[in-house]
Amino acid sequence: MKLVHLIRNLRKQLKRYSMVGIQDNTKIKYITINRYAYSADTTIGRMIAEGFGVIANTLEDTARATGVKIKGKTAIPETHRGYKCGIHRSNRFKRDMVIIYTDPDCITLEQGGVKFTHIYIHGGNTHVDTEGCILVADNVDLKNMKIQGACEAKVYNIVRTWIAQGYEVRCLVINNPFT
């Protein structure tokens, strides 16, 4: 009799947890940026999309200590929880783009005491092209710390498809040891 009572209680708890969103994890897809090469003004990494493997090389401004930001010259902070990703119309680029954010306004990213706005994923070659954004390309030149062969459309199409399928898309950013 005690076992039956225990099972009923467990079922009630599971039902209650599922109602508050614990099972929603099945509706999240992840993009991960694994940073691995660093210079005074550039950070290089690989972008991995869940179910696709490596989809791009990334280039960002300098990765700095938590809470440190130099406007237009600092990469977004590392996060293992994941930033939200969405599709946003860029006034500057005049097209829909993948944007990374944390705040309800869907354009502001706040982490570690610093704020960034309009952090897009787009093409480019060097840190001069980033202004805090994440550049993506097919090829990487570690000697010159640059990337080439823009693959923004590939990243955009994956994120757009996931969102259309009802997934929440998150971006993990991992700083690997300096090489």
C-alpha atoms as a PDB file:
ATOM      1  CA  MET A   1       0.000   0.000   0.000  1.00  0.00           C
ATOM      2  CA  LYS A   2       2.835   2.390   0.828  1.00  0.00           C
ATOM      3  CA  LEU A   3       4.422   1.758  -2.577  1.00  0.00           C
ATOM      4  CA  VAL A   4       1.196   2.668  -4.390  1.00  0.00           C
ATOM      5  CA  HIS A   5       0.956   5.880  -2.363  1.00  0.00           C
ATOM      6  CA  LEU A   6       4.600   6.716  -3.147  1.00  0.00           C
ATOM      7  CA  ILE A   7       4.070   6.184  -6.879  1.00  0.00           C
ATOM      8  CA  ARG A   8       0.978   8.412  -6.869  1.00  0.00           C
ATOM      9  CA  ASN A   9       2.915  11.187  -5.111  1.00  0.00           C
ATOM     10  CA  LEU A  10       5.773  10.891  -7.585  1.00  0.00           C
ATOM     11  CA  ARG A  11       3.336  11.115 -10.504  1.00  0.00           C
ATOM     12  CA  LYS A  12       1.756  14.248  -8.998  1.00  0.00           C
ATOM     13  CA  GLN A  13       5.184  15.850  -8.549  1.00  0.00           C
ATOM     14  CA  LEU A  14       6.219  15.018 -12.102  1.00  0.00           C
ATOM     15  CA  LYS A  15       2.974  16.452 -13.437  1.00  0.00           C
ATOM     16  CA  ARG A  16       3.463  19.634 -11.400  1.00  0.00           C
ATOM     17  CA  TYR A  17       7.079  20.045 -12.600  1.00  0.00           C
ATOM     18  CA  SER A  18       6.110  19.530 -16.223  1.00  0.00           C
ATOM     19  CA  MET A  19       3.543  22.303 -15.843  1.00  0.00           C
ATOM     20  CA  VAL A  20       6.207  24.792 -14.698  1.00  0.00           C
ATOM     21  CA  GLY A  21       8.487  24.111 -17.612  1.00  0.00           C
ATOM     22  CA  ILE A  22      11.052  21.526 -16.556  1.00  0.00           C
ATOM     23  CA  GLN A  23      10.309  19.473 -19.653  1.00  0.00           C
ATOM     24  CA  ASP A  24      10.629  22.541 -21.896  1.00  0.00           C
ATOM     25  CA  ASN A  25      14.348  21.725 -22.268  1.00  0.00           C
ATOM     26  CA  THR A  26      13.371  19.461 -25.145  1.00  0.00           C
ATOM     27  CA  LYS A  27      12.306  22.621 -27.022  1.00  0.00           C
ATOM     28  CA  ILE A  28      15.717  24.343 -26.819  1.00  0.00           C
ATOM     29  CA  LYS A  29      18.387  24.159 -29.508  1.00  0.00           C
ATOM     30  CA  TYR A  30      21.943  25.296 -28.880  1.00  0.00           C
ATOM     31  CA  ILE A  31      24.621  27.050 -30.852  1.00  0.00           C
ATOM     32  CA  THR A  32      27.997  26.949 -29.131  1.00  0.00           C
ATOM     33  CA  ILE A  33      30.951  29.236 -29.755  1.00  0.00           C
ATOM     34  CA  ASN A  34      34.182  27.581 -28.637  1.00  0.00           C
ATOM     35  CA  ARG A  35      36.831  30.309 -28.496  1.00  0.00           C
ATOM     36  CA  TYR A  36      40.363  28.979 -28.822  1.00  0.00           C
ATOM     37  CA  ALA A  37      42.773  31.584 -30.246  1.00  0.00           C
ATOM     38  CA  TYR A  38      43.391  35.030 -28.791  1.00  0.00           C
ATOM     39  CA  SER A  39      45.433  38.099 -29.696  1.00  0.00           C
ATOM     40  CA  ALA A  40      45.525  41.682 -28.409  1.00  0.00           C
ATOM     41  CA  ASP A  41      42.523  42.663 -30.550  1.00  0.00           C
ATOM     42  CA  THR A  42      40.958  39.424 -31.854  1.00  0.00           C
ATOM     43  CA  THR A  43      39.321  36.236 -30.597  1.00  0.00           C
ATOM     44  CA  ILE A  44      38.861  33.235 -32.917  1.00  0.00           C
ATOM     45  CA  GLY A  45      36.519  30.314 -32.333  1.00  0.00           C
ATOM     46  CA  ARG A  46      34.345  27.636 -33.880  1.00  0.00           C
ATOM     47  CA  MET A  47      30.560  27.755 -34.034  1.00  0.00           C
ATOM     48  CA  ILE A  48      28.799  24.441 -33.475  1.00  0.00           C
ATOM     49  CA  ALA A  49      25.068  23.984 -34.086  1.00  0.00           C
ATOM     50  CA  GLU A  50      23.255  21.145 -32.357  1.00  0.00           C
ATOM     51  CA  GLY A  51      22.745  18.343 -34.860  1.00  0.00           C
ATOM     52  CA  PHE A  52      24.990  19.998 -37.497  1.00  0.00           C
ATOM     53  CA  GLY A  53      28.481  19.993 -35.957  1.00  0.00           C
ATOM     54  CA  VAL A  54      30.870  22.833 -36.815  1.00  0.00           C
ATOM     55  CA  ILE A  55      29.056  25.280 -39.094  1.00  0.00           C
ATOM     56  CA  ALA A  56      31.428  28.268 -39.034  1.00  0.00           C
ATOM     57  CA  ASN A  57      34.600  29.838 -37.774  1.00  0.00           C
ATOM     58  CA  THR A  58      34.024  32.888 -35.611  1.00  0.00           C
ATOM     59  CA  LEU A  59      35.912  36.110 -35.109  1.00  0.00           C
ATOM     60  CA  GLU A  60      35.205  38.584 -32.331  1.00  0.00           C
ATOM     61  CA  ASP A  61      36.877  41.464 -30.572  1.00  0.00           C
ATOM     62  CA  THR A  62      39.120  40.770 -27.589  1.00  0.00           C
ATOM     63  CA  ALA A  63      37.766  38.485 -24.875  1.00  0.00           C
ATOM     64  CA  ARG A  64      38.243  40.386 -21.616  1.00  0.00           C
ATOM     65  CA  ALA A  65      37.864  39.672 -17.920  1.00  0.00           C
ATOM     66  CA  THR A  66      34.339  39.591 -16.511  1.00  0.00           C
ATOM     67  CA  GLY A  67      32.976  43.095 -16.014  1.00  0.00           C
ATOM     68  CA  VAL A  68      35.496  44.766 -18.349  1.00  0.00           C
ATOM     69  CA  LYS A  69      34.256  46.397 -21.556  1.00  0.00           C
ATOM     70  CA  ILE A  70      35.820  48.786 -24.039  1.00  0.00           C
ATOM     71  CA  LYS A  71      33.069  49.975 -26.384  1.00  0.00           C
ATOM     72  CA  GLY A  72      33.389  48.422 -29.843  1.00  0.00           C
ATOM     73  CA  LYS A  73      36.511  46.460 -28.847  1.00  0.00           C
ATOM     74  CA  THR A  74      35.266  43.759 -26.484  1.00  0.00           C
ATOM     75  CA  ALA A  75      33.781  40.331 -27.189  1.00  0.00           C
ATOM     76  CA  ILE A  76      30.582  39.382 -25.377  1.00  0.00           C
ATOM     77  CA  PRO A  77      31.276  37.619 -22.067  1.00  0.00           C
ATOM     78  CA  GLU A  78      31.514  33.869 -21.738  1.00  0.00           C
ATOM     79  CA  THR A  79      28.324  32.083 -20.676  1.00  0.00           C
ATOM     80  CA  HIS A  80      27.530  28.454 -19.976  1.00  0.00           C
ATOM     81  CA  ARG A  81      23.824  29.243 -19.471  1.00  0.00           C
ATOM     82  CA  GLY A  82      23.321  30.537 -22.985  1.00  0.00           C
ATOM     83  CA  TYR A  83      22.192  33.836 -24.447  1.00  0.00           C
ATOM     84  CA  LYS A  84      18.910  33.962 -26.339  1.00  0.00           C
ATOM     85  CA  CYS A  85      19.024  34.099 -30.139  1.00  0.00           C
ATOM     86  CA  GLY A  86      16.370  35.604 -32.357  1.00  0.00           C
ATOM     87  CA  ILE A  87      15.799  37.138 -35.755  1.00  0.00           C
ATOM     88  CA  HIS A  88      15.880  40.939 -35.824  1.00  0.00           C
ATOM     89  CA  ARG A  89      15.695  43.522 -38.607  1.00  0.00           C
ATOM     90  CA  SER A  90      18.957  45.490 -38.608  1.00  0.00           C
ATOM     91  CA  ASN A  91      18.581  49.161 -39.528  1.00  0.00           C
ATOM     92  CA  ARG A  92      22.298  49.331 -40.273  1.00  0.00           C
ATOM     93  CA  PHE A  93      22.458  46.273 -42.531  1.00  0.00           C
ATOM     94  CA  LYS A  94      18.884  46.638 -43.881  1.00  0.00           C
ATOM     95  CA  ARG A  95      18.061  42.926 -43.507  1.00  0.00           C
ATOM     96  CA  ASP A  96      16.899  40.324 -41.000  1.00  0.00           C
ATOM     97  CA  MET A  97      19.800  38.879 -39.008  1.00  0.00           C
ATOM     98  CA  VAL A  98      20.479  36.589 -36.066  1.00  0.00           C
ATOM     99  CA  ILE A  99      20.734  38.656 -32.874  1.00  0.00           C
ATOM    100  CA  ILE A 100      21.986  37.590 -29.441  1.00  0.00           C
ATOM    101  CA  TYR A 101      20.375  39.095 -26.347  1.00  0.00           C
ATOM    102  CA  THR A 102      19.351  38.606 -22.705  1.00  0.00           C
ATOM    103  CA  ASP A 103      16.816  41.367 -22.026  1.00  0.00           C
ATOM    104  CA  PRO A 104      13.093  41.490 -22.872  1.00  0.00           C
ATOM    105  CA  ASP A 105      13.737  44.268 -25.436  1.00  0.00           C
ATOM    106  CA  CYS A 106      15.390  41.565 -27.635  1.00  0.00           C
ATOM    107  CA  ILE A 107      18.394  43.800 -28.462  1.00  0.00           C
ATOM    108  CA  THR A 108      20.275  44.189 -25.166  1.00  0.00           C
ATOM    109  CA  LEU A 109      22.750  41.655 -23.828  1.00  0.00           C
ATOM    110  CA  GLU A 110      23.772  42.099 -20.189  1.00  0.00           C
ATOM    111  CA  GLN A 111      26.254  39.816 -18.474  1.00  0.00           C
ATOM    112  CA  GLY A 112      28.878  40.262 -15.788  1.00  0.00           C
ATOM    113  CA  GLY A 113      27.966  43.879 -15.138  1.00  0.00           C
ATOM    114  CA  VAL A 114      28.361  45.077 -18.729  1.00  0.00           C
ATOM    115  CA  LYS A 115      25.785  45.811 -21.436  1.00  0.00           C
ATOM    116  CA  PHE A 116      25.975  45.311 -25.175  1.00  0.00           C
ATOM    117  CA  THR A 117      23.299  46.162 -27.750  1.00  0.00           C
ATOM    118  CA  HIS A 118      22.623  44.900 -31.264  1.00  0.00           C
ATOM    119  CA  ILE A 119      24.985  41.894 -31.150  1.00  0.00           C
ATOM    120  CA  TYR A 120      24.452  40.322 -34.555  1.00  0.00           C
ATOM    121  CA  ILE A 121      25.981  37.298 -36.268  1.00  0.00           C
ATOM    122  CA  HIS A 122      27.229  38.367 -39.692  1.00  0.00           C
ATOM    123  CA  GLY A 123      30.052  38.140 -42.209  1.00  0.00           C
ATOM    124  CA  GLY A 124      33.355  39.997 -41.995  1.00  0.00           C
ATOM    125  CA  ASN A 125      37.082  39.385 -41.974  1.00  0.00           C
ATOM    126  CA  THR A 126      38.869  41.094 -39.065  1.00  0.00           C
ATOM    127  CA  HIS A 127      38.231  42.660 -35.679  1.00  0.00           C
ATOM    128  CA  VAL A 128      37.674  45.997 -37.457  1.00  0.00           C
ATOM    129  CA  ASP A 129      34.397  44.570 -38.826  1.00  0.00           C
ATOM    130  CA  THR A 130      32.954  43.380 -35.496  1.00  0.00           C
ATOM    131  CA  GLU A 131      32.049  46.279 -33.166  1.00  0.00           C
ATOM    132  CA  GLY A 132      31.091  43.587 -30.646  1.00  0.00           C
ATOM    133  CA  CYS A 133      29.279  41.365 -33.155  1.00  0.00           C
ATOM    134  CA  ILE A 134      30.189  37.775 -33.976  1.00  0.00           C
ATOM    135  CA  LEU A 135      31.619  37.356 -37.458  1.00  0.00           C
ATOM    136  CA  VAL A 136      31.202  33.983 -39.184  1.00  0.00           C
ATOM    137  CA  ALA A 137      33.070  32.480 -42.123  1.00  0.00           C
ATOM    138  CA  ASP A 138      34.085  29.163 -43.626  1.00  0.00           C
ATOM    139  CA  ASN A 139      37.866  29.722 -43.542  1.00  0.00           C
ATOM    140  CA  VAL A 140      40.252  30.846 -40.810  1.00  0.00           C
ATOM    141  CA  ASP A 141      43.791  32.260 -41.017  1.00  0.00           C
ATOM    142  CA  LEU A 142      45.273  31.967 -37.537  1.00  0.00           C
ATOM    143  CA  LYS A 143      48.613  33.449 -38.568  1.00  0.00           C
ATOM    144  CA  ASN A 144      46.924  36.740 -39.512  1.00  0.00           C
ATOM    145  CA  MET A 145      43.966  36.352 -37.107  1.00  0.00           C
ATOM    146  CA  LYS A 146      41.283  36.751 -39.761  1.00  0.00           C
ATOM    147  CA  ILE A 147      38.478  34.783 -41.363  1.00  0.00           C
ATOM    148  CA  GLN A 148      36.999  34.731 -44.866  1.00  0.00           C
ATOM    149  CA  GLY A 149      34.212  33.152 -46.882  1.00  0.00           C
ATOM    150  CA  ALA A 150      31.133  34.527 -45.141  1.00  0.00           C
ATOM    151  CA  CYS A 151      28.566  31.937 -44.109  1.00  0.00           C
ATOM    152  CA  GLU A 152      26.057  34.220 -42.400  1.00  0.00           C
ATOM    153  CA  ALA A 153      23.220  32.774 -44.499  1.00  0.00           C
ATOM    154  CA  LYS A 154      23.945  29.243 -43.250  1.00  0.00           C
ATOM    155  CA  VAL A 155      23.740  30.328 -39.594  1.00  0.00           C
ATOM    156  CA  TYR A 156      20.667  32.484 -40.262  1.00  0.00           C
ATOM    157  CA  ASN A 157      18.813  29.629 -41.993  1.00  0.00           C
ATOM    158  CA  ILE A 158      19.506  27.172 -39.150  1.00  0.00           C
ATOM    159  CA  VAL A 159      18.337  29.619 -36.456  1.00  0.00           C
ATOM    160  CA  ARG A 160      15.303  30.759 -38.478  1.00  0.00           C
ATOM    161  CA  THR A 161      14.247  27.143 -39.092  1.00  0.00           C
ATOM    162  CA  TRP A 162      14.582  26.216 -35.421  1.00  0.00           C
ATOM    163  CA  ILE A 163      12.510  29.226 -34.360  1.00  0.00           C
ATOM    164  CA  ALA A 164       9.850  28.396 -36.966  1.00  0.00           C
ATOM    165  CA  GLN A 165       9.732  24.859 -35.530  1.00  0.00           C
ATOM    166  CA  GLY A 166       8.971  26.307 -32.088  1.00  0.00           C
ATOM    167  CA  TYR A 167      12.392  25.982 -30.494  1.00  0.00           C
ATOM    168  CA  GLU A 168      14.023  28.511 -28.228  1.00  0.00           C
ATOM    169  CA  VAL A 169      17.544  29.043 -29.582  1.00  0.00           C
ATOM    170  CA  ARG A 170      20.404  29.705 -27.183  1.00  0.00           C
ATOM    171  CA  CYS A 171      24.045  30.568 -27.753  1.00  0.00           C
ATOM    172  CA  LEU A 172      26.674  29.203 -25.374  1.00  0.00           C
ATOM    173  CA  VAL A 173      30.052  30.998 -25.370  1.00  0.00           C
ATOM    174  CA  ILE A 174      33.049  29.116 -24.015  1.00  0.00           C
ATOM    175  CA  ASN A 175      36.539  30.533 -23.517  1.00  0.00           C
ATOM    176  CA  ASN A 176      38.972  27.668 -23.903  1.00  0.00           C
ATOM    177  CA  PRO A 177      42.483  28.007 -22.455  1.00  0.00           C
ATOM    178  CA  PHE A 178      44.741  30.483 -24.186  1.00  0.00           C
ATOM    179  CA  THR A 179      46.926  28.857 -26.820  1.00  0.00           C
END
